[in-house]
Structure formats: structure tokens, C-alpha cells
Amino acid sequence: MHWLLPTGRSWQSIAAGYLGLVGLVVWVLGPFALGLGIWAVVRSAREPGVHGRGRAVFGIVAGAIGTLMTLVVLQSVAG
């Protein structure tokens, strides 16, 4: 059941995963997913009982892609 529902995960990793997923389409949310993903990874590294590192890493990767796409769009509009 842990593969389907986000049980036993930190709220930061759950939020980072969903923001990363939405951030692939709505690029403005990319930096927020990136920040929450980094926060969740740091928290899971410091506290041994916290799970959800995979969702956090997905949030970081998807947030980085969304952030890059936002920067590309802003650069093309400004230039």
C-alpha cells in the first residue's frame, strides 16, 4: 500500500512530489517543488524515522526541469 498512497511519508516529500508533477506543466511552480524537495531530503537525512526520499528526489528533478523551463521562457520574452 505504501507504493500507492503516501502513508508514512513526511509532508514535505509528499508536497514536493505533487508540486514537481504539477510543475512539469505549470512551470512557475518549479522553484517551489525544488525548494520543498531539498527541504525534504535534508530532513530525511537528519531524522532517521522520516521516509519519502524518493518523492523528494522526484520533486527536485521535476522542480529543476520546471525552473529551467521558466527561465527559458522568461529569457525568450525578455530578449
Protein backbone atom coordinates (compact mmCIF):
# COMPACT_ATOMS: atom_id res chain seq x y z
CA MET A 1 0.00 0.00 0.00
CA HIS A 2 3.00 2.33 0.52
CA TRP A 3 3.55 2.41 -3.25
CA LEU A 4 0.08 3.77 -3.99
CA LEU A 5 -0.78 6.01 -1.06
CA PRO A 6 1.59 8.45 0.65
CA THR A 7 1.44 6.83 4.10
CA GLY A 8 4.37 7.13 6.46
CA ARG A 9 5.96 9.96 4.46
CA SER A 10 6.82 13.48 5.56
CA TRP A 11 4.50 16.20 4.36
CA GLN A 12 7.44 17.94 2.68
CA SER A 13 8.20 14.95 0.48
CA ILE A 14 4.53 14.47 -0.42
CA ALA A 15 4.16 18.15 -1.30
CA ALA A 16 7.43 18.16 -3.26
CA GLY A 17 6.34 15.15 -5.31
CA TYR A 18 2.96 16.60 -6.21
CA LEU A 19 4.35 20.10 -6.83
CA GLY A 20 7.03 18.56 -9.05
CA LEU A 21 4.40 16.68 -11.02
CA VAL A 22 2.27 19.78 -11.50
CA GLY A 23 5.40 21.89 -12.00
CA LEU A 24 6.19 19.96 -15.19
CA VAL A 25 3.10 21.59 -16.72
CA VAL A 26 2.80 24.81 -14.71
CA TRP A 27 6.45 25.87 -14.83
CA VAL A 28 6.07 28.66 -12.28
CA LEU A 29 5.70 26.02 -9.54
CA GLY A 30 9.09 24.51 -10.38
CA PRO A 31 11.13 26.56 -7.88
CA PHE A 32 8.69 25.70 -5.08
CA ALA A 33 8.98 21.98 -5.85
CA LEU A 34 12.75 22.32 -5.94
CA GLY A 35 12.84 24.04 -2.55
CA LEU A 36 10.45 21.61 -0.87
CA GLY A 37 12.33 18.65 -2.34
CA ILE A 38 15.64 19.88 -0.95
CA TRP A 39 14.00 20.54 2.42
CA ALA A 40 12.54 17.01 2.48
CA VAL A 41 15.87 15.37 1.58
CA VAL A 42 17.69 17.32 4.28
CA ARG A 43 15.00 16.41 6.82
CA SER A 44 15.10 12.72 5.91
CA ALA A 45 18.89 12.73 6.23
CA ARG A 46 18.79 14.31 9.70
CA GLU A 47 15.89 12.33 11.15
CA PRO A 48 16.23 8.54 10.74
CA GLY A 49 12.50 7.74 11.01
CA VAL A 50 11.38 10.08 8.22
CA HIS A 51 10.57 8.43 4.88
CA GLY A 52 9.76 9.74 1.42
CA ARG A 53 13.17 10.38 -0.07
CA GLY A 54 12.08 9.08 -3.50
CA ARG A 55 9.23 11.57 -3.71
CA ALA A 56 11.58 14.32 -2.59
CA VAL A 57 14.15 13.44 -5.26
CA PHE A 58 11.38 13.41 -7.88
CA GLY A 59 10.33 16.86 -6.66
CA ILE A 60 13.91 18.08 -7.01
CA VAL A 61 14.32 16.72 -10.55
CA ALA A 62 10.90 17.86 -11.77
CA GLY A 63 11.32 21.20 -10.00
CA ALA A 64 14.68 21.73 -11.68
CA ILE A 65 13.14 21.00 -15.08
CA GLY A 66 10.24 23.37 -14.35
CA THR A 67 12.64 26.06 -13.14
CA LEU A 68 14.78 25.73 -16.26
CA MET A 69 11.71 25.96 -18.47
CA THR A 70 10.58 29.08 -16.61
CA LEU A 71 13.99 30.66 -17.13
CA VAL A 72 13.98 29.76 -20.84
CA VAL A 73 10.52 31.28 -21.30
CA LEU A 74 11.46 34.43 -19.37
CA GLN A 75 14.65 34.80 -21.38
CA SER A 76 12.81 34.43 -24.70
CA VAL A 77 10.20 37.01 -23.66
CA ALA A 78 12.83 39.47 -22.41
CA GLY A 79 15.16 39.01 -25.39
